[in-house]
Amino acid sequence: MLLAGAVAVLVAAEWPRVAALLRIEGRFPRRQRRRKPHLQLVPSESEEFAASVERDLQQLPTLDERDRR
């Protein structure tokens, strides 16, 4: 009984690796694959974001060494 439990725990722990080797897919990847065509790529606005972060950082108050004393 204890041996069967240990084998079950071992199989459960190693199942992702075994499934990858045998190329067995679970239900989740199939569901995810079905949903992917509905997704859209959002264009990157990284330059605008970086500029807004720079502006925000410049507006933050800072502490000088003389203010700490």
PDB file of N, CA and C in Angstrom:
ATOM      1  N   MET A   1       0.837  -1.182   0.000  1.00  0.00           N
ATOM      2  CA  MET A   1       0.000   0.000   0.000  1.00  0.00           C
ATOM      3  C   MET A   1       0.888   1.254   0.000  1.00  0.00           C
ATOM      4  N   LEU A   2       1.886   1.265   0.852  1.00  0.00           N
ATOM      5  CA  LEU A   2       2.795   2.408   0.923  1.00  0.00           C
ATOM      6  C   LEU A   2       3.613   2.533  -0.359  1.00  0.00           C
ATOM      7  N   LEU A   3       4.007   1.406  -0.911  1.00  0.00           N
ATOM      8  CA  LEU A   3       4.761   1.411  -2.167  1.00  0.00           C
ATOM      9  C   LEU A   3       3.912   1.973  -3.315  1.00  0.00           C
ATOM     10  N   ALA A   4       2.653   1.616  -3.368  1.00  0.00           N
ATOM     11  CA  ALA A   4       1.757   2.118  -4.415  1.00  0.00           C
ATOM     12  C   ALA A   4       1.587   3.629  -4.278  1.00  0.00           C
ATOM     13  N   GLY A   5       1.502   4.115  -3.062  1.00  0.00           N
ATOM     14  CA  GLY A   5       1.397   5.554  -2.834  1.00  0.00           C
ATOM     15  C   GLY A   5       2.651   6.280  -3.279  1.00  0.00           C
ATOM     16  N   ALA A   6       3.806   5.696  -2.974  1.00  0.00           N
ATOM     17  CA  ALA A   6       5.071   6.309  -3.375  1.00  0.00           C
ATOM     18  C   ALA A   6       5.199   6.347  -4.894  1.00  0.00           C
ATOM     19  N   VAL A   7       4.772   5.282  -5.559  1.00  0.00           N
ATOM     20  CA  VAL A   7       4.820   5.246  -7.025  1.00  0.00           C
ATOM     21  C   VAL A   7       3.881   6.292  -7.602  1.00  0.00           C
ATOM     22  N   ALA A   8       2.704   6.440  -7.021  1.00  0.00           N
ATOM     23  CA  ALA A   8       1.743   7.435  -7.500  1.00  0.00           C
ATOM     24  C   ALA A   8       2.297   8.852  -7.348  1.00  0.00           C
ATOM     25  N   VAL A   9       2.942   9.137  -6.232  1.00  0.00           N
ATOM     26  CA  VAL A   9       3.540  10.456  -6.017  1.00  0.00           C
ATOM     27  C   VAL A   9       4.667  10.701  -7.015  1.00  0.00           C
ATOM     28  N   LEU A  10       5.483   9.704  -7.263  1.00  0.00           N
ATOM     29  CA  LEU A  10       6.577   9.827  -8.219  1.00  0.00           C
ATOM     30  C   LEU A  10       6.059  10.088  -9.629  1.00  0.00           C
ATOM     31  N   VAL A  11       5.044   9.359 -10.028  1.00  0.00           N
ATOM     32  CA  VAL A  11       4.470   9.548 -11.362  1.00  0.00           C
ATOM     33  C   VAL A  11       3.863  10.946 -11.477  1.00  0.00           C
ATOM     34  N   ALA A  12       3.164  11.393 -10.452  1.00  0.00           N
ATOM     35  CA  ALA A  12       2.548  12.719 -10.483  1.00  0.00           C
ATOM     36  C   ALA A  12       3.612  13.816 -10.552  1.00  0.00           C
ATOM     37  N   ALA A  13       4.725  13.626  -9.850  1.00  0.00           N
ATOM     38  CA  ALA A  13       5.780  14.633  -9.840  1.00  0.00           C
ATOM     39  C   ALA A  13       6.518  14.690 -11.172  1.00  0.00           C
ATOM     40  N   GLU A  14       6.687  13.557 -11.818  1.00  0.00           N
ATOM     41  CA  GLU A  14       7.463  13.492 -13.053  1.00  0.00           C
ATOM     42  C   GLU A  14       6.593  13.540 -14.303  1.00  0.00           C
ATOM     43  N   TRP A  15       5.281  13.654 -14.161  1.00  0.00           N
ATOM     44  CA  TRP A  15       4.404  13.606 -15.327  1.00  0.00           C
ATOM     45  C   TRP A  15       4.702  14.682 -16.365  1.00  0.00           C
ATOM     46  N   PRO A  16       4.970  15.947 -16.012  1.00  0.00           N
ATOM     47  CA  PRO A  16       5.264  16.934 -17.064  1.00  0.00           C
ATOM     48  C   PRO A  16       6.468  16.554 -17.920  1.00  0.00           C
ATOM     49  N   ARG A  17       7.482  16.007 -17.308  1.00  0.00           N
ATOM     50  CA  ARG A  17       8.674  15.615 -18.056  1.00  0.00           C
ATOM     51  C   ARG A  17       8.376  14.417 -18.956  1.00  0.00           C
ATOM     52  N   VAL A  18       7.649  13.437 -18.422  1.00  0.00           N
ATOM     53  CA  VAL A  18       7.295  12.253 -19.206  1.00  0.00           C
ATOM     54  C   VAL A  18       6.380  12.644 -20.357  1.00  0.00           C
ATOM     55  N   ALA A  19       5.410  13.497 -20.105  1.00  0.00           N
ATOM     56  CA  ALA A  19       4.477  13.926 -21.153  1.00  0.00           C
ATOM     57  C   ALA A  19       5.215  14.685 -22.250  1.00  0.00           C
ATOM     58  N   ALA A  20       6.208  15.485 -21.875  1.00  0.00           N
ATOM     59  CA  ALA A  20       6.975  16.223 -22.875  1.00  0.00           C
ATOM     60  C   ALA A  20       7.801  15.265 -23.726  1.00  0.00           C
ATOM     61  N   LEU A  21       8.371  14.244 -23.104  1.00  0.00           N
ATOM     62  CA  LEU A  21       9.157  13.270 -23.862  1.00  0.00           C
ATOM     63  C   LEU A  21       8.277  12.473 -24.817  1.00  0.00           C
ATOM     64  N   LEU A  22       7.084  12.133 -24.383  1.00  0.00           N
ATOM     65  CA  LEU A  22       6.177  11.346 -25.214  1.00  0.00           C
ATOM     66  C   LEU A  22       5.282  12.228 -26.078  1.00  0.00           C
ATOM     67  N   ARG A  23       5.448  13.532 -25.945  1.00  0.00           N
ATOM     68  CA  ARG A  23       4.645  14.519 -26.680  1.00  0.00           C
ATOM     69  C   ARG A  23       3.158  14.312 -26.446  1.00  0.00           C
ATOM     70  N   ILE A  24       2.811  14.088 -25.200  1.00  0.00           N
ATOM     71  CA  ILE A  24       1.415  13.949 -24.805  1.00  0.00           C
ATOM     72  C   ILE A  24       0.957  15.307 -24.308  1.00  0.00           C
ATOM     73  N   GLU A  25      -0.122  15.817 -24.889  1.00  0.00           N
ATOM     74  CA  GLU A  25      -0.650  17.110 -24.469  1.00  0.00           C
ATOM     75  C   GLU A  25      -1.855  16.888 -23.568  1.00  0.00           C
ATOM     76  N   GLY A  26      -1.959  17.702 -22.556  1.00  0.00           N
ATOM     77  CA  GLY A  26      -3.130  17.657 -21.697  1.00  0.00           C
ATOM     78  C   GLY A  26      -4.250  18.483 -22.299  1.00  0.00           C
ATOM     79  N   ARG A  27      -5.309  18.661 -21.547  1.00  0.00           N
ATOM     80  CA  ARG A  27      -6.444  19.425 -22.052  1.00  0.00           C
ATOM     81  C   ARG A  27      -6.129  20.907 -22.153  1.00  0.00           C
ATOM     82  N   PHE A  28      -5.359  21.451 -21.238  1.00  0.00           N
ATOM     83  CA  PHE A  28      -5.099  22.893 -21.213  1.00  0.00           C
ATOM     84  C   PHE A  28      -4.405  23.412 -22.473  1.00  0.00           C
ATOM     85  N   PRO A  29      -3.336  22.767 -22.962  1.00  0.00           N
ATOM     86  CA  PRO A  29      -2.699  23.300 -24.168  1.00  0.00           C
ATOM     87  C   PRO A  29      -3.645  23.323 -25.375  1.00  0.00           C
ATOM     88  N   ARG A  30      -4.537  22.327 -25.484  1.00  0.00           N
ATOM     89  CA  ARG A  30      -5.477  22.330 -26.594  1.00  0.00           C
ATOM     90  C   ARG A  30      -6.451  23.491 -26.482  1.00  0.00           C
ATOM     91  N   ARG A  31      -6.936  23.742 -25.283  1.00  0.00           N
ATOM     92  CA  ARG A  31      -7.838  24.867 -25.073  1.00  0.00           C
ATOM     93  C   ARG A  31      -7.132  26.179 -25.378  1.00  0.00           C
ATOM     94  N   GLN A  32      -5.893  26.284 -24.938  1.00  0.00           N
ATOM     95  CA  GLN A  32      -5.126  27.504 -25.165  1.00  0.00           C
ATOM     96  C   GLN A  32      -4.868  27.691 -26.660  1.00  0.00           C
ATOM     97  N   ARG A  33      -4.586  26.612 -27.366  1.00  0.00           N
ATOM     98  CA  ARG A  33      -4.324  26.694 -28.793  1.00  0.00           C
ATOM     99  C   ARG A  33      -5.574  27.157 -29.527  1.00  0.00           C
ATOM    100  N   ARG A  34      -6.752  26.729 -29.087  1.00  0.00           N
ATOM    101  CA  ARG A  34      -7.996  27.154 -29.712  1.00  0.00           C
ATOM    102  C   ARG A  34      -8.246  28.642 -29.511  1.00  0.00           C
ATOM    103  N   ARG A  35      -7.829  29.175 -28.377  1.00  0.00           N
ATOM    104  CA  ARG A  35      -8.077  30.582 -28.061  1.00  0.00           C
ATOM    105  C   ARG A  35      -7.096  31.525 -28.736  1.00  0.00           C
ATOM    106  N   LYS A  36      -5.922  31.070 -29.078  1.00  0.00           N
ATOM    107  CA  LYS A  36      -4.879  31.954 -29.585  1.00  0.00           C
ATOM    108  C   LYS A  36      -5.271  32.732 -30.842  1.00  0.00           C
ATOM    109  N   PRO A  37      -5.995  32.176 -31.811  1.00  0.00           N
ATOM    110  CA  PRO A  37      -6.331  32.979 -32.991  1.00  0.00           C
ATOM    111  C   PRO A  37      -7.158  34.225 -32.661  1.00  0.00           C
ATOM    112  N   HIS A  38      -7.800  34.255 -31.522  1.00  0.00           N
ATOM    113  CA  HIS A  38      -8.619  35.398 -31.154  1.00  0.00           C
ATOM    114  C   HIS A  38      -7.798  36.523 -30.530  1.00  0.00           C
ATOM    115  N   LEU A  39      -6.565  36.254 -30.199  1.00  0.00           N
ATOM    116  CA  LEU A  39      -5.728  37.265 -29.576  1.00  0.00           C
ATOM    117  C   LEU A  39      -5.182  38.226 -30.623  1.00  0.00           C
ATOM    118  N   GLN A  40      -4.988  39.476 -30.211  1.00  0.00           N
ATOM    119  CA  GLN A  40      -4.409  40.470 -31.101  1.00  0.00           C
ATOM    120  C   GLN A  40      -3.172  41.061 -30.453  1.00  0.00           C
ATOM    121  N   LEU A  41      -2.192  41.382 -31.258  1.00  0.00           N
ATOM    122  CA  LEU A  41      -0.962  41.990 -30.775  1.00  0.00           C
ATOM    123  C   LEU A  41      -1.166  43.492 -30.646  1.00  0.00           C
ATOM    124  N   VAL A  42      -0.855  44.029 -29.478  1.00  0.00           N
ATOM    125  CA  VAL A  42      -0.994  45.456 -29.226  1.00  0.00           C
ATOM    126  C   VAL A  42       0.325  46.126 -29.611  1.00  0.00           C
ATOM    127  N   PRO A  43       0.280  47.190 -30.416  1.00  0.00           N
ATOM    128  CA  PRO A  43       1.533  47.850 -30.810  1.00  0.00           C
ATOM    129  C   PRO A  43       2.255  48.444 -29.593  1.00  0.00           C
ATOM    130  N   SER A  44       3.550  48.419 -29.646  1.00  0.00           N
ATOM    131  CA  SER A  44       4.371  48.911 -28.550  1.00  0.00           C
ATOM    132  C   SER A  44       4.472  50.426 -28.577  1.00  0.00           C
ATOM    133  N   GLU A  45       4.313  51.025 -27.438  1.00  0.00           N
ATOM    134  CA  GLU A  45       4.471  52.471 -27.303  1.00  0.00           C
ATOM    135  C   GLU A  45       5.595  52.747 -26.311  1.00  0.00           C
ATOM    136  N   SER A  46       6.682  52.005 -26.448  1.00  0.00           N
ATOM    137  CA  SER A  46       7.746  52.057 -25.453  1.00  0.00           C
ATOM    138  C   SER A  46       8.433  53.422 -25.393  1.00  0.00           C
ATOM    139  N   GLU A  47       8.573  54.105 -26.524  1.00  0.00           N
ATOM    140  CA  GLU A  47       9.235  55.411 -26.506  1.00  0.00           C
ATOM    141  C   GLU A  47       8.395  56.431 -25.743  1.00  0.00           C
ATOM    142  N   GLU A  48       7.088  56.420 -25.974  1.00  0.00           N
ATOM    143  CA  GLU A  48       6.211  57.332 -25.249  1.00  0.00           C
ATOM    144  C   GLU A  48       6.213  57.006 -23.763  1.00  0.00           C
ATOM    145  N   PHE A  49       6.201  55.720 -23.455  1.00  0.00           N
ATOM    146  CA  PHE A  49       6.212  55.296 -22.056  1.00  0.00           C
ATOM    147  C   PHE A  49       7.504  55.721 -21.376  1.00  0.00           C
ATOM    148  N   ALA A  50       8.633  55.513 -22.049  1.00  0.00           N
ATOM    149  CA  ALA A  50       9.922  55.888 -21.469  1.00  0.00           C
ATOM    150  C   ALA A  50       9.991  57.394 -21.226  1.00  0.00           C
ATOM    151  N   ALA A  51       9.469  58.170 -22.160  1.00  0.00           N
ATOM    152  CA  ALA A  51       9.474  59.623 -21.991  1.00  0.00           C
ATOM    153  C   ALA A  51       8.595  60.039 -20.814  1.00  0.00           C
ATOM    154  N   SER A  52       7.448  59.394 -20.650  1.00  0.00           N
ATOM    155  CA  SER A  52       6.567  59.743 -19.530  1.00  0.00           C
ATOM    156  C   SER A  52       7.193  59.351 -18.200  1.00  0.00           C
ATOM    157  N   VAL A  53       7.913  58.251 -18.170  1.00  0.00           N
ATOM    158  CA  VAL A  53       8.596  57.839 -16.935  1.00  0.00           C
ATOM    159  C   VAL A  53       9.694  58.835 -16.593  1.00  0.00           C
ATOM    160  N   GLU A  54      10.447  59.275 -17.599  1.00  0.00           N
ATOM    161  CA  GLU A  54      11.495  60.272 -17.367  1.00  0.00           C
ATOM    162  C   GLU A  54      10.902  61.563 -16.805  1.00  0.00           C
ATOM    163  N   ARG A  55       9.782  62.013 -17.376  1.00  0.00           N
ATOM    164  CA  ARG A  55       9.127  63.234 -16.878  1.00  0.00           C
ATOM    165  C   ARG A  55       8.672  63.047 -15.437  1.00  0.00           C
ATOM    166  N   ASP A  56       8.091  61.895 -15.139  1.00  0.00           N
ATOM    167  CA  ASP A  56       7.622  61.642 -13.776  1.00  0.00           C
ATOM    168  C   ASP A  56       8.786  61.603 -12.788  1.00  0.00           C
ATOM    169  N   LEU A  57       9.889  60.993 -13.187  1.00  0.00           N
ATOM    170  CA  LEU A  57      11.052  60.915 -12.301  1.00  0.00           C
ATOM    171  C   LEU A  57      11.660  62.291 -12.050  1.00  0.00           C
ATOM    172  N   GLN A  58      11.646  63.153 -13.051  1.00  0.00           N
ATOM    173  CA  GLN A  58      12.190  64.498 -12.878  1.00  0.00           C
ATOM    174  C   GLN A  58      11.326  65.337 -11.952  1.00  0.00           C
ATOM    175  N   GLN A  59      10.041  65.037 -11.871  1.00  0.00           N
ATOM    176  CA  GLN A  59       9.131  65.816 -11.033  1.00  0.00           C
ATOM    177  C   GLN A  59       9.097  65.333  -9.587  1.00  0.00           C
ATOM    178  N   LEU A  60       9.704  64.189  -9.308  1.00  0.00           N
ATOM    179  CA  LEU A  60       9.708  63.687  -7.933  1.00  0.00           C
ATOM    180  C   LEU A  60      10.608  64.541  -7.050  1.00  0.00           C
ATOM    181  N   PRO A  61      10.190  64.785  -5.817  1.00  0.00           N
ATOM    182  CA  PRO A  61      11.056  65.529  -4.900  1.00  0.00           C
ATOM    183  C   PRO A  61      12.232  64.644  -4.470  1.00  0.00           C
ATOM    184  N   THR A  62      13.378  65.277  -4.274  1.00  0.00           N
ATOM    185  CA  THR A  62      14.568  64.538  -3.846  1.00  0.00           C
ATOM    186  C   THR A  62      15.091  65.116  -2.543  1.00  0.00           C
ATOM    187  N   LEU A  63      15.876  64.325  -1.850  1.00  0.00           N
ATOM    188  CA  LEU A  63      16.508  64.770  -0.608  1.00  0.00           C
ATOM    189  C   LEU A  63      17.979  65.032  -0.881  1.00  0.00           C
ATOM    190  N   ASP A  64      18.445  66.209  -0.539  1.00  0.00           N
ATOM    191  CA  ASP A  64      19.859  66.523  -0.655  1.00  0.00           C
ATOM    192  C   ASP A  64      20.554  66.119   0.638  1.00  0.00           C
ATOM    193  N   GLU A  65      21.868  66.060   0.606  1.00  0.00           N
ATOM    194  CA  GLU A  65      22.634  65.692   1.791  1.00  0.00           C
ATOM    195  C   GLU A  65      22.380  66.704   2.927  1.00  0.00           C
ATOM    196  N   ARG A  66      22.281  67.948   2.611  1.00  0.00           N
ATOM    197  CA  ARG A  66      22.073  68.953   3.669  1.00  0.00           C
ATOM    198  C   ARG A  66      20.663  68.862   4.255  1.00  0.00           C
ATOM    199  N   ASP A  67      19.688  68.353   3.479  1.00  0.00           N
ATOM    200  CA  ASP A  67      18.329  68.195   4.000  1.00  0.00           C
ATOM    201  C   ASP A  67      18.246  67.059   5.019  1.00  0.00           C
ATOM    202  N   ARG A  68      19.122  66.073   4.876  1.00  0.00           N
ATOM    203  CA  ARG A  68      19.094  64.921   5.789  1.00  0.00           C
ATOM    204  C   ARG A  68      19.576  65.288   7.188  1.00  0.00           C
ATOM    205  N   ARG A  69      20.425  66.287   7.297  1.00  0.00           N
ATOM    206  CA  ARG A  69      20.987  66.658   8.591  1.00  0.00           C
ATOM    207  C   ARG A  69      19.997  67.457   9.321  1.00  0.00           C
TER     208      ARG A  69
END
